[in-house]
Full PDB file with SEQRES, HELIX, SHEET, SSBOND, CRYST1, ORIGX, SCALE, CONECT and MASTER records, all heavy atoms in Angstrom:
SEQRES   1 A   38  GLU LEU THR SER ARG PHE PHE SER ALA GLY GLU THR ILE          
SEQRES   2 A   38  LEU TYR GLN GLY GLU LEU PRO ARG THR ALA TYR VAL VAL          
SEQRES   3 A   38  LYS SER GLY LEU ILE LYS ILE TYR SER ILE SER VAL              
CRYST1    1.000    1.000    1.000  90.00  90.00  90.00 P 1           1          
ORIGX1      1.000000  0.000000  0.000000        0.00000                         
ORIGX2      0.000000  1.000000  0.000000        0.00000                         
ORIGX3      0.000000  0.000000  1.000000        0.00000                         
SCALE1      1.000000  0.000000  0.000000        0.00000                         
SCALE2      0.000000  1.000000  0.000000        0.00000                         
SCALE3      0.000000  0.000000  1.000000        0.00000                         
ATOM      1  N   GLU A   1       0.816  -1.218   0.000  1.00  0.00           N  
ATOM      2  CA  GLU A   1       0.000   0.000   0.000  1.00  0.00           C  
ATOM      3  C   GLU A   1       0.856   1.279   0.000  1.00  0.00           C  
ATOM      4  O   GLU A   1       0.318   2.381   0.123  1.00  0.00           O  
ATOM      5  CB  GLU A   1      -0.932   0.012   1.219  1.00  0.00           C  
ATOM      6  CG  GLU A   1      -1.845  -1.208   1.312  1.00  0.00           C  
ATOM      7  CD  GLU A   1      -2.735  -1.344   0.097  1.00  0.00           C  
ATOM      8  OE1 GLU A   1      -3.270  -0.315  -0.364  1.00  0.00           O  
ATOM      9  OE2 GLU A   1      -2.890  -2.482  -0.397  1.00  0.00           O  
ATOM     10  N   LEU A   2       2.136   1.106  -0.128  1.00  0.00           N  
ATOM     11  CA  LEU A   2       3.050   2.254  -0.084  1.00  0.00           C  
ATOM     12  C   LEU A   2       2.747   3.235  -1.211  1.00  0.00           C  
ATOM     13  O   LEU A   2       2.523   2.843  -2.354  1.00  0.00           O  
ATOM     14  CB  LEU A   2       4.494   1.761  -0.213  1.00  0.00           C  
ATOM     15  CG  LEU A   2       5.617   2.742   0.128  1.00  0.00           C  
ATOM     16  CD1 LEU A   2       5.566   3.115   1.603  1.00  0.00           C  
ATOM     17  CD2 LEU A   2       6.968   2.091  -0.182  1.00  0.00           C  
ATOM     18  N   THR A   3       2.721   4.514  -0.880  1.00  0.00           N  
ATOM     19  CA  THR A   3       2.447   5.549  -1.880  1.00  0.00           C  
ATOM     20  C   THR A   3       3.723   6.324  -2.193  1.00  0.00           C  
ATOM     21  O   THR A   3       4.667   6.341  -1.404  1.00  0.00           O  
ATOM     22  CB  THR A   3       1.372   6.528  -1.395  1.00  0.00           C  
ATOM     23  OG1 THR A   3       1.825   7.168  -0.176  1.00  0.00           O  
ATOM     24  CG2 THR A   3       0.057   5.797  -1.124  1.00  0.00           C  
ATOM     25  N   SER A   4       3.732   6.956  -3.344  1.00  0.00           N  
ATOM     26  CA  SER A   4       4.876   7.783  -3.726  1.00  0.00           C  
ATOM     27  C   SER A   4       4.428   9.216  -3.948  1.00  0.00           C  
ATOM     28  O   SER A   4       3.251   9.483  -4.183  1.00  0.00           O  
ATOM     29  CB  SER A   4       5.554   7.236  -4.985  1.00  0.00           C  
ATOM     30  OG  SER A   4       4.677   7.291  -6.089  1.00  0.00           O  
ATOM     31  N   ARG A   5       5.373  10.116  -3.875  1.00  0.00           N  
ATOM     32  CA  ARG A   5       5.096  11.545  -4.077  1.00  0.00           C  
ATOM     33  C   ARG A   5       6.021  12.079  -5.155  1.00  0.00           C  
ATOM     34  O   ARG A   5       7.226  11.776  -5.157  1.00  0.00           O  
ATOM     35  CB  ARG A   5       5.295  12.324  -2.782  1.00  0.00           C  
ATOM     36  CG  ARG A   5       4.967  13.806  -2.890  1.00  0.00           C  
ATOM     37  CD  ARG A   5       5.078  14.487  -1.538  1.00  0.00           C  
ATOM     38  NE  ARG A   5       4.916  15.935  -1.647  1.00  0.00           N  
ATOM     39  CZ  ARG A   5       5.046  16.789  -0.640  1.00  0.00           C  
ATOM     40  NH1 ARG A   5       5.330  16.319   0.580  1.00  0.00           N  
ATOM     41  NH2 ARG A   5       4.902  18.088  -0.824  1.00  0.00           N  
ATOM     42  N   PHE A   6       5.462  12.855  -6.058  1.00  0.00           N  
ATOM     43  CA  PHE A   6       6.223  13.395  -7.177  1.00  0.00           C  
ATOM     44  C   PHE A   6       6.748  14.790  -6.842  1.00  0.00           C  
ATOM     45  O   PHE A   6       6.031  15.616  -6.273  1.00  0.00           O  
ATOM     46  CB  PHE A   6       5.336  13.471  -8.420  1.00  0.00           C  
ATOM     47  CG  PHE A   6       6.000  14.101  -9.617  1.00  0.00           C  
ATOM     48  CD1 PHE A   6       6.857  13.371 -10.426  1.00  0.00           C  
ATOM     49  CD2 PHE A   6       5.777  15.437  -9.920  1.00  0.00           C  
ATOM     50  CE1 PHE A   6       7.476  13.952 -11.514  1.00  0.00           C  
ATOM     51  CE2 PHE A   6       6.385  16.032 -11.003  1.00  0.00           C  
ATOM     52  CZ  PHE A   6       7.238  15.290 -11.805  1.00  0.00           C  
ATOM     53  N   PHE A   7       8.005  15.033  -7.179  1.00  0.00           N  
ATOM     54  CA  PHE A   7       8.617  16.361  -7.056  1.00  0.00           C  
ATOM     55  C   PHE A   7       9.202  16.723  -8.415  1.00  0.00           C  
ATOM     56  O   PHE A   7       9.957  15.951  -9.000  1.00  0.00           O  
ATOM     57  CB  PHE A   7       9.728  16.364  -6.003  1.00  0.00           C  
ATOM     58  CG  PHE A   7       9.250  16.229  -4.584  1.00  0.00           C  
ATOM     59  CD1 PHE A   7       9.045  14.972  -4.027  1.00  0.00           C  
ATOM     60  CD2 PHE A   7       9.000  17.343  -3.811  1.00  0.00           C  
ATOM     61  CE1 PHE A   7       8.603  14.829  -2.721  1.00  0.00           C  
ATOM     62  CE2 PHE A   7       8.567  17.227  -2.499  1.00  0.00           C  
ATOM     63  CZ  PHE A   7       8.355  15.964  -1.956  1.00  0.00           C  
ATOM     64  N   SER A   8       8.859  17.877  -8.909  1.00  0.00           N  
ATOM     65  CA  SER A   8       9.377  18.302 -10.207  1.00  0.00           C  
ATOM     66  C   SER A   8      10.779  18.876 -10.058  1.00  0.00           C  
ATOM     67  O   SER A   8      11.196  19.293  -8.963  1.00  0.00           O  
ATOM     68  CB  SER A   8       8.451  19.347 -10.839  1.00  0.00           C  
ATOM     69  OG  SER A   8       8.278  20.455  -9.982  1.00  0.00           O  
ATOM     70  N   ALA A   9      11.522  18.911 -11.154  1.00  0.00           N  
ATOM     71  CA  ALA A   9      12.890  19.431 -11.147  1.00  0.00           C  
ATOM     72  C   ALA A   9      12.921  20.846 -10.590  1.00  0.00           C  
ATOM     73  O   ALA A   9      12.113  21.699 -10.969  1.00  0.00           O  
ATOM     74  CB  ALA A   9      13.455  19.414 -12.565  1.00  0.00           C  
ATOM     75  N   GLY A  10      13.837  21.087  -9.661  1.00  0.00           N  
ATOM     76  CA  GLY A  10      13.981  22.397  -9.040  1.00  0.00           C  
ATOM     77  C   GLY A  10      13.196  22.564  -7.752  1.00  0.00           C  
ATOM     78  O   GLY A  10      13.416  23.532  -7.009  1.00  0.00           O  
ATOM     79  N   GLU A  11      12.320  21.626  -7.456  1.00  0.00           N  
ATOM     80  CA  GLU A  11      11.489  21.738  -6.259  1.00  0.00           C  
ATOM     81  C   GLU A  11      12.259  21.272  -5.021  1.00  0.00           C  
ATOM     82  O   GLU A  11      12.978  20.277  -5.051  1.00  0.00           O  
ATOM     83  CB  GLU A  11      10.222  20.902  -6.431  1.00  0.00           C  
ATOM     84  CG  GLU A  11       9.193  21.090  -5.333  1.00  0.00           C  
ATOM     85  CD  GLU A  11       7.890  20.364  -5.616  1.00  0.00           C  
ATOM     86  OE1 GLU A  11       7.776  19.748  -6.707  1.00  0.00           O  
ATOM     87  OE2 GLU A  11       7.001  20.400  -4.754  1.00  0.00           O  
ATOM     88  N   THR A  12      12.109  22.016  -3.926  1.00  0.00           N  
ATOM     89  CA  THR A  12      12.748  21.638  -2.667  1.00  0.00           C  
ATOM     90  C   THR A  12      11.917  20.570  -1.968  1.00  0.00           C  
ATOM     91  O   THR A  12      10.709  20.723  -1.803  1.00  0.00           O  
ATOM     92  CB  THR A  12      12.914  22.855  -1.739  1.00  0.00           C  
ATOM     93  OG1 THR A  12      13.763  23.819  -2.379  1.00  0.00           O  
ATOM     94  CG2 THR A  12      13.546  22.456  -0.415  1.00  0.00           C  
ATOM     95  N   ILE A  13      12.580  19.507  -1.568  1.00  0.00           N  
ATOM     96  CA  ILE A  13      11.908  18.385  -0.910  1.00  0.00           C  
ATOM     97  C   ILE A  13      11.925  18.571   0.602  1.00  0.00           C  
ATOM     98  O   ILE A  13      10.905  18.424   1.273  1.00  0.00           O  
ATOM     99  CB  ILE A  13      12.591  17.066  -1.297  1.00  0.00           C  
ATOM    100  CG1 ILE A  13      12.502  16.858  -2.812  1.00  0.00           C  
ATOM    101  CG2 ILE A  13      11.974  15.884  -0.546  1.00  0.00           C  
ATOM    102  CD1 ILE A  13      13.443  15.782  -3.333  1.00  0.00           C  
ATOM    103  N   LEU A  14      13.089  18.895   1.134  1.00  0.00           N  
ATOM    104  CA  LEU A  14      13.252  19.147   2.564  1.00  0.00           C  
ATOM    105  C   LEU A  14      14.157  20.351   2.762  1.00  0.00           C  
ATOM    106  O   LEU A  14      15.105  20.559   2.003  1.00  0.00           O  
ATOM    107  CB  LEU A  14      13.868  17.931   3.265  1.00  0.00           C  
ATOM    108  CG  LEU A  14      13.020  16.653   3.358  1.00  0.00           C  
ATOM    109  CD1 LEU A  14      13.892  15.478   3.806  1.00  0.00           C  
ATOM    110  CD2 LEU A  14      11.847  16.840   4.300  1.00  0.00           C  
ATOM    111  N   TYR A  15      13.873  21.110   3.804  1.00  0.00           N  
ATOM    112  CA  TYR A  15      14.692  22.271   4.145  1.00  0.00           C  
ATOM    113  C   TYR A  15      15.597  21.939   5.328  1.00  0.00           C  
ATOM    114  O   TYR A  15      15.248  21.126   6.190  1.00  0.00           O  
ATOM    115  CB  TYR A  15      13.812  23.461   4.509  1.00  0.00           C  
ATOM    116  CG  TYR A  15      13.057  24.053   3.339  1.00  0.00           C  
ATOM    117  CD1 TYR A  15      11.812  23.548   2.967  1.00  0.00           C  
ATOM    118  CD2 TYR A  15      13.586  25.114   2.609  1.00  0.00           C  
ATOM    119  CE1 TYR A  15      11.116  24.085   1.890  1.00  0.00           C  
ATOM    120  CE2 TYR A  15      12.897  25.663   1.534  1.00  0.00           C  
ATOM    121  CZ  TYR A  15      11.663  25.134   1.179  1.00  0.00           C  
ATOM    122  OH  TYR A  15      10.981  25.668   0.110  1.00  0.00           O  
ATOM    123  N   GLN A  16      16.744  22.581   5.355  1.00  0.00           N  
ATOM    124  CA  GLN A  16      17.649  22.407   6.488  1.00  0.00           C  
ATOM    125  C   GLN A  16      16.934  22.839   7.769  1.00  0.00           C  
ATOM    126  O   GLN A  16      16.321  23.894   7.826  1.00  0.00           O  
ATOM    127  CB  GLN A  16      18.902  23.259   6.267  1.00  0.00           C  
ATOM    128  CG  GLN A  16      20.004  23.023   7.290  1.00  0.00           C  
ATOM    129  CD  GLN A  16      21.239  23.852   6.968  1.00  0.00           C  
ATOM    130  OE1 GLN A  16      21.146  25.043   6.688  1.00  0.00           O  
ATOM    131  NE2 GLN A  16      22.392  23.218   7.005  1.00  0.00           N  
ATOM    132  N   GLY A  17      17.016  22.007   8.803  1.00  0.00           N  
ATOM    133  CA  GLY A  17      16.369  22.329  10.073  1.00  0.00           C  
ATOM    134  C   GLY A  17      14.916  21.915  10.153  1.00  0.00           C  
ATOM    135  O   GLY A  17      14.280  22.063  11.207  1.00  0.00           O  
ATOM    136  N   GLU A  18      14.379  21.374   9.074  1.00  0.00           N  
ATOM    137  CA  GLU A  18      12.980  20.963   9.053  1.00  0.00           C  
ATOM    138  C   GLU A  18      12.793  19.640   9.796  1.00  0.00           C  
ATOM    139  O   GLU A  18      13.655  18.762   9.765  1.00  0.00           O  
ATOM    140  CB  GLU A  18      12.517  20.803   7.602  1.00  0.00           C  
ATOM    141  CG  GLU A  18      11.084  20.336   7.447  1.00  0.00           C  
ATOM    142  CD  GLU A  18      10.672  20.176   5.990  1.00  0.00           C  
ATOM    143  OE1 GLU A  18      11.424  20.630   5.100  1.00  0.00           O  
ATOM    144  OE2 GLU A  18       9.598  19.591   5.747  1.00  0.00           O  
ATOM    145  N   LEU A  19      11.641  19.502  10.467  1.00  0.00           N  
ATOM    146  CA  LEU A  19      11.275  18.237  11.084  1.00  0.00           C  
ATOM    147  C   LEU A  19      10.372  17.496  10.107  1.00  0.00           C  
ATOM    148  O   LEU A  19       9.214  17.863   9.913  1.00  0.00           O  
ATOM    149  CB  LEU A  19      10.535  18.464  12.404  1.00  0.00           C  
ATOM    150  CG  LEU A  19      10.051  17.196  13.137  1.00  0.00           C  
ATOM    151  CD1 LEU A  19      11.234  16.305  13.499  1.00  0.00           C  
ATOM    152  CD2 LEU A  19       9.252  17.564  14.380  1.00  0.00           C  
ATOM    153  N   PRO A  20      10.885  16.475   9.434  1.00  0.00           N  
ATOM    154  CA  PRO A  20      10.084  15.784   8.414  1.00  0.00           C  
ATOM    155  C   PRO A  20       8.836  15.132   9.000  1.00  0.00           C  
ATOM    156  O   PRO A  20       8.836  14.665  10.140  1.00  0.00           O  
ATOM    157  CB  PRO A  20      11.048  14.719   7.873  1.00  0.00           C  
ATOM    158  CG  PRO A  20      12.409  15.220   8.221  1.00  0.00           C  
ATOM    159  CD  PRO A  20      12.242  15.921   9.537  1.00  0.00           C  
ATOM    160  N   ARG A  21       7.781  15.109   8.231  1.00  0.00           N  
ATOM    161  CA  ARG A  21       6.543  14.444   8.650  1.00  0.00           C  
ATOM    162  C   ARG A  21       6.579  12.960   8.318  1.00  0.00           C  
ATOM    163  O   ARG A  21       5.809  12.177   8.870  1.00  0.00           O  
ATOM    164  CB  ARG A  21       5.340  15.101   7.965  1.00  0.00           C  
ATOM    165  CG  ARG A  21       5.076  16.532   8.433  1.00  0.00           C  
ATOM    166  CD  ARG A  21       3.901  17.132   7.695  1.00  0.00           C  
ATOM    167  NE  ARG A  21       4.189  17.283   6.260  1.00  0.00           N  
ATOM    168  CZ  ARG A  21       3.313  17.733   5.378  1.00  0.00           C  
ATOM    169  NH1 ARG A  21       2.087  18.054   5.751  1.00  0.00           N  
ATOM    170  NH2 ARG A  21       3.659  17.849   4.096  1.00  0.00           N  
ATOM    171  N   THR A  22       7.469  12.584   7.410  1.00  0.00           N  
ATOM    172  CA  THR A  22       7.576  11.194   6.973  1.00  0.00           C  
ATOM    173  C   THR A  22       8.982  10.932   6.470  1.00  0.00           C  
ATOM    174  O   THR A  22       9.748  11.866   6.223  1.00  0.00           O  
ATOM    175  CB  THR A  22       6.555  10.907   5.847  1.00  0.00           C  
ATOM    176  OG1 THR A  22       6.571   9.521   5.523  1.00  0.00           O  
ATOM    177  CG2 THR A  22       6.882  11.711   4.594  1.00  0.00           C  
ATOM    178  N   ALA A  23       9.326   9.672   6.337  1.00  0.00           N  
ATOM    179  CA  ALA A  23      10.611   9.315   5.736  1.00  0.00           C  
ATOM    180  C   ALA A  23      10.426   9.184   4.231  1.00  0.00           C  
ATOM    181  O   ALA A  23       9.345   8.820   3.756  1.00  0.00           O  
ATOM    182  CB  ALA A  23      11.123   8.002   6.315  1.00  0.00           C  
ATOM    183  N   TYR A  24      11.476   9.498   3.493  1.00  0.00           N  
ATOM    184  CA  TYR A  24      11.447   9.391   2.038  1.00  0.00           C  
ATOM    185  C   TYR A  24      12.528   8.411   1.575  1.00  0.00           C  
ATOM    186  O   TYR A  24      13.666   8.465   2.044  1.00  0.00           O  
ATOM    187  CB  TYR A  24      11.728  10.735   1.378  1.00  0.00           C  
ATOM    188  CG  TYR A  24      10.621  11.748   1.478  1.00  0.00           C  
ATOM    189  CD1 TYR A  24      10.817  12.948   2.159  1.00  0.00           C  
ATOM    190  CD2 TYR A  24       9.389  11.532   0.870  1.00  0.00           C  
ATOM    191  CE1 TYR A  24       9.804  13.903   2.233  1.00  0.00           C  
ATOM    192  CE2 TYR A  24       8.373  12.471   0.948  1.00  0.00           C  
ATOM    193  CZ  TYR A  24       8.588  13.655   1.629  1.00  0.00           C  
ATOM    194  OH  TYR A  24       7.575  14.592   1.703  1.00  0.00           O  
ATOM    195  N   VAL A  25      12.147   7.554   0.639  1.00  0.00           N  
ATOM    196  CA  VAL A  25      13.096   6.679  -0.041  1.00  0.00           C  
ATOM    197  C   VAL A  25      12.983   6.974  -1.527  1.00  0.00           C  
ATOM    198  O   VAL A  25      11.875   7.000  -2.073  1.00  0.00           O  
ATOM    199  CB  VAL A  25      12.800   5.186   0.228  1.00  0.00           C  
ATOM    200  CG1 VAL A  25      13.767   4.309  -0.564  1.00  0.00           C  
ATOM    201  CG2 VAL A  25      12.902   4.885   1.714  1.00  0.00           C  
ATOM    202  N   VAL A  26      14.121   7.210  -2.178  1.00  0.00           N  
ATOM    203  CA  VAL A  26      14.106   7.606  -3.585  1.00  0.00           C  
ATOM    204  C   VAL A  26      13.690   6.422  -4.457  1.00  0.00           C  
ATOM    205  O   VAL A  26      14.353   5.383  -4.465  1.00  0.00           O  
ATOM    206  CB  VAL A  26      15.486   8.133  -4.032  1.00  0.00           C  
ATOM    207  CG1 VAL A  26      15.421   8.589  -5.491  1.00  0.00           C  
ATOM    208  CG2 VAL A  26      15.950   9.268  -3.132  1.00  0.00           C  
ATOM    209  N   LYS A  27      12.597   6.598  -5.178  1.00  0.00           N  
ATOM    210  CA  LYS A  27      12.148   5.608  -6.149  1.00  0.00           C  
ATOM    211  C   LYS A  27      12.839   5.835  -7.485  1.00  0.00           C  
ATOM    212  O   LYS A  27      13.345   4.906  -8.108  1.00  0.00           O  
ATOM    213  CB  LYS A  27      10.631   5.682  -6.313  1.00  0.00           C  
ATOM    214  CG  LYS A  27      10.044   4.712  -7.339  1.00  0.00           C  
ATOM    215  CD  LYS A  27       8.538   4.915  -7.469  1.00  0.00           C  
ATOM    216  CE  LYS A  27       7.942   4.000  -8.533  1.00  0.00           C  
ATOM    217  NZ  LYS A  27       6.483   4.252  -8.710  1.00  0.00           N  
ATOM    218  N   SER A  28      12.871   7.079  -7.929  1.00  0.00           N  
ATOM    219  CA  SER A  28      13.554   7.434  -9.174  1.00  0.00           C  
ATOM    220  C   SER A  28      13.893   8.915  -9.148  1.00  0.00           C  
ATOM    221  O   SER A  28      13.288   9.698  -8.410  1.00  0.00           O  
ATOM    222  CB  SER A  28      12.662   7.128 -10.395  1.00  0.00           C  
ATOM    223  OG  SER A  28      11.488   7.915 -10.361  1.00  0.00           O  
ATOM    224  N   GLY A  29      14.863   9.288  -9.966  1.00  0.00           N  
ATOM    225  CA  GLY A  29      15.254  10.695 -10.045  1.00  0.00           C  
ATOM    226  C   GLY A  29      16.577  10.970  -9.351  1.00  0.00           C  
ATOM    227  O   GLY A  29      17.226  10.070  -8.815  1.00  0.00           O  
ATOM    228  N   LEU A  30      16.964  12.224  -9.343  1.00  0.00           N  
ATOM    229  CA  LEU A  30      18.239  12.669  -8.779  1.00  0.00           C  
ATOM    230  C   LEU A  30      18.010  13.864  -7.873  1.00  0.00           C  
ATOM    231  O   LEU A  30      17.305  14.802  -8.238  1.00  0.00           O  
ATOM    232  CB  LEU A  30      19.206  13.043  -9.909  1.00  0.00           C  
ATOM    233  CG  LEU A  30      20.575  13.590  -9.512  1.00  0.00           C  
ATOM    234  CD1 LEU A  30      21.371  12.516  -8.768  1.00  0.00           C  
ATOM    235  CD2 LEU A  30      21.341  14.056 -10.745  1.00  0.00           C  
ATOM    236  N   ILE A  31      18.614  13.832  -6.698  1.00  0.00           N  
ATOM    237  CA  ILE A  31      18.401  14.854  -5.685  1.00  0.00           C  
ATOM    238  C   ILE A  31      19.730  15.463  -5.263  1.00  0.00           C  
ATOM    239  O   ILE A  31      20.715  14.742  -5.033  1.00  0.00           O  
ATOM    240  CB  ILE A  31      17.673  14.252  -4.468  1.00  0.00           C  
ATOM    241  CG1 ILE A  31      16.258  13.823  -4.885  1.00  0.00           C  
ATOM    242  CG2 ILE A  31      17.603  15.232  -3.317  1.00  0.00           C  
ATOM    243  CD1 ILE A  31      15.659  12.781  -4.018  1.00  0.00           C  
ATOM    244  N   LYS A  32      19.748  16.759  -5.155  1.00  0.00           N  
ATOM    245  CA  LYS A  32      20.937  17.478  -4.684  1.00  0.00           C  
ATOM    246  C   LYS A  32      20.813  17.720  -3.186  1.00  0.00           C  
ATOM    247  O   LYS A  32      19.787  18.184  -2.704  1.00  0.00           O  
ATOM    248  CB  LYS A  32      21.060  18.817  -5.434  1.00  0.00           C  
ATOM    249  CG  LYS A  32      22.232  19.675  -4.991  1.00  0.00           C  
ATOM    250  CD  LYS A  32      22.388  20.904  -5.882  1.00  0.00           C  
ATOM    251  CE  LYS A  32      21.212  21.856  -5.770  1.00  0.00           C  
ATOM    252  NZ  LYS A  32      21.416  23.102  -6.542  1.00  0.00           N  
ATOM    253  N   ILE A  33      21.869  17.379  -2.459  1.00  0.00           N  
ATOM    254  CA  ILE A  33      21.919  17.585  -1.023  1.00  0.00           C  
ATOM    255  C   ILE A  33      22.967  18.667  -0.755  1.00  0.00           C  
ATOM    256  O   ILE A  33      24.130  18.504  -1.141  1.00  0.00           O  
ATOM    257  CB  ILE A  33      22.300  16.277  -0.296  1.00  0.00           C  
ATOM    258  CG1 ILE A  33      21.328  15.153  -0.706  1.00  0.00           C  
ATOM    259  CG2 ILE A  33      22.289  16.464   1.214  1.00  0.00           C  
ATOM    260  CD1 ILE A  33      21.788  13.777  -0.276  1.00  0.00           C  
ATOM    261  N   TYR A  34      22.565  19.754  -0.133  1.00  0.00           N  
ATOM    262  CA  TYR A  34      23.498  20.876  -0.002  1.00  0.00           C  
ATOM    263  C   TYR A  34      23.244  21.693   1.256  1.00  0.00           C  
ATOM    264  O   TYR A  34      22.212  21.552   1.930  1.00  0.00           O  
ATOM    265  CB  TYR A  34      23.395  21.776  -1.237  1.00  0.00           C  
ATOM    266  CG  TYR A  34      22.086  22.530  -1.381  1.00  0.00           C  
ATOM    267  CD1 TYR A  34      21.973  23.849  -0.976  1.00  0.00           C  
ATOM    268  CD2 TYR A  34      20.962  21.930  -1.936  1.00  0.00           C  
ATOM    269  CE1 TYR A  34      20.773  24.552  -1.106  1.00  0.00           C  
ATOM    270  CE2 TYR A  34      19.764  22.606  -2.082  1.00  0.00           C  
ATOM    271  CZ  TYR A  34      19.677  23.925  -1.660  1.00  0.00           C  
ATOM    272  OH  TYR A  34      18.493  24.609  -1.788  1.00  0.00           O  
ATOM    273  N   SER A  35      24.202  22.539   1.560  1.00  0.00           N  
ATOM    274  CA  SER A  35      24.078  23.502   2.652  1.00  0.00           C  
ATOM    275  C   SER A  35      24.340  24.889   2.090  1.00  0.00           C  
ATOM    276  O   SER A  35      24.793  25.039   0.944  1.00  0.00           O  
ATOM    277  CB  SER A  35      25.077  23.187   3.780  1.00  0.00           C  
ATOM    278  OG  SER A  35      26.412  23.307   3.291  1.00  0.00           O  
ATOM    279  N   ILE A  36      24.060  25.907   2.868  1.00  0.00           N  
ATOM    280  CA  ILE A  36      24.324  27.288   2.474  1.00  0.00           C  
ATOM    281  C   ILE A  36      25.230  27.919   3.529  1.00  0.00           C  
ATOM    282  O   ILE A  36      24.918  27.887   4.722  1.00  0.00           O  
ATOM    283  CB  ILE A  36      23.018  28.093   2.319  1.00  0.00           C  
ATOM    284  CG1 ILE A  36      22.160  27.480   1.212  1.00  0.00           C  
ATOM    285  CG2 ILE A  36      23.318  29.561   2.024  1.00  0.00           C  
ATOM    286  CD1 ILE A  36      20.812  28.164   1.031  1.00  0.00           C  
ATOM    287  N   SER A  37      26.351  28.467   3.090  1.00  0.00           N  
ATOM    288  CA  SER A  37      27.318  29.050   4.015  1.00  0.00           C  
ATOM    289  C   SER A  37      26.804  30.371   4.568  1.00  0.00           C  
ATOM    290  O   SER A  37      25.792  30.915   4.106  1.00  0.00           O  
ATOM    291  CB  SER A  37      28.655  29.274   3.302  1.00  0.00           C  
ATOM    292  OG  SER A  37      28.545  30.353   2.374  1.00  0.00           O  
ATOM    293  N   VAL A  38      27.522  30.905   5.562  1.00  0.00           N  
ATOM    294  CA  VAL A  38      27.136  32.188   6.159  1.00  0.00           C  
ATOM    295  C   VAL A  38      27.222  33.313   5.136  1.00  0.00           C  
ATOM    296  O   VAL A  38      26.599  34.363   5.302  1.00  0.00           O  
ATOM    297  CB  VAL A  38      28.028  32.506   7.384  1.00  0.00           C  
ATOM    298  CG1 VAL A  38      27.760  31.522   8.501  1.00  0.00           C  
ATOM    299  CG2 VAL A  38      29.510  32.499   7.003  1.00  0.00           C  
TER     300      VAL A  38                                                      
MASTER        0    0    0    0    0    0    0    6  299    1    0    3          
END                                                                             
């Protein structure tokens, strides 16, 4: 019964410091993981 969620290119999935409501496992696609300096 597992569901998936679609994110379009350029869309932010999670923000730094955010408390996620659920866990995400990548089904397909490519995700950039980054930080922002001072």
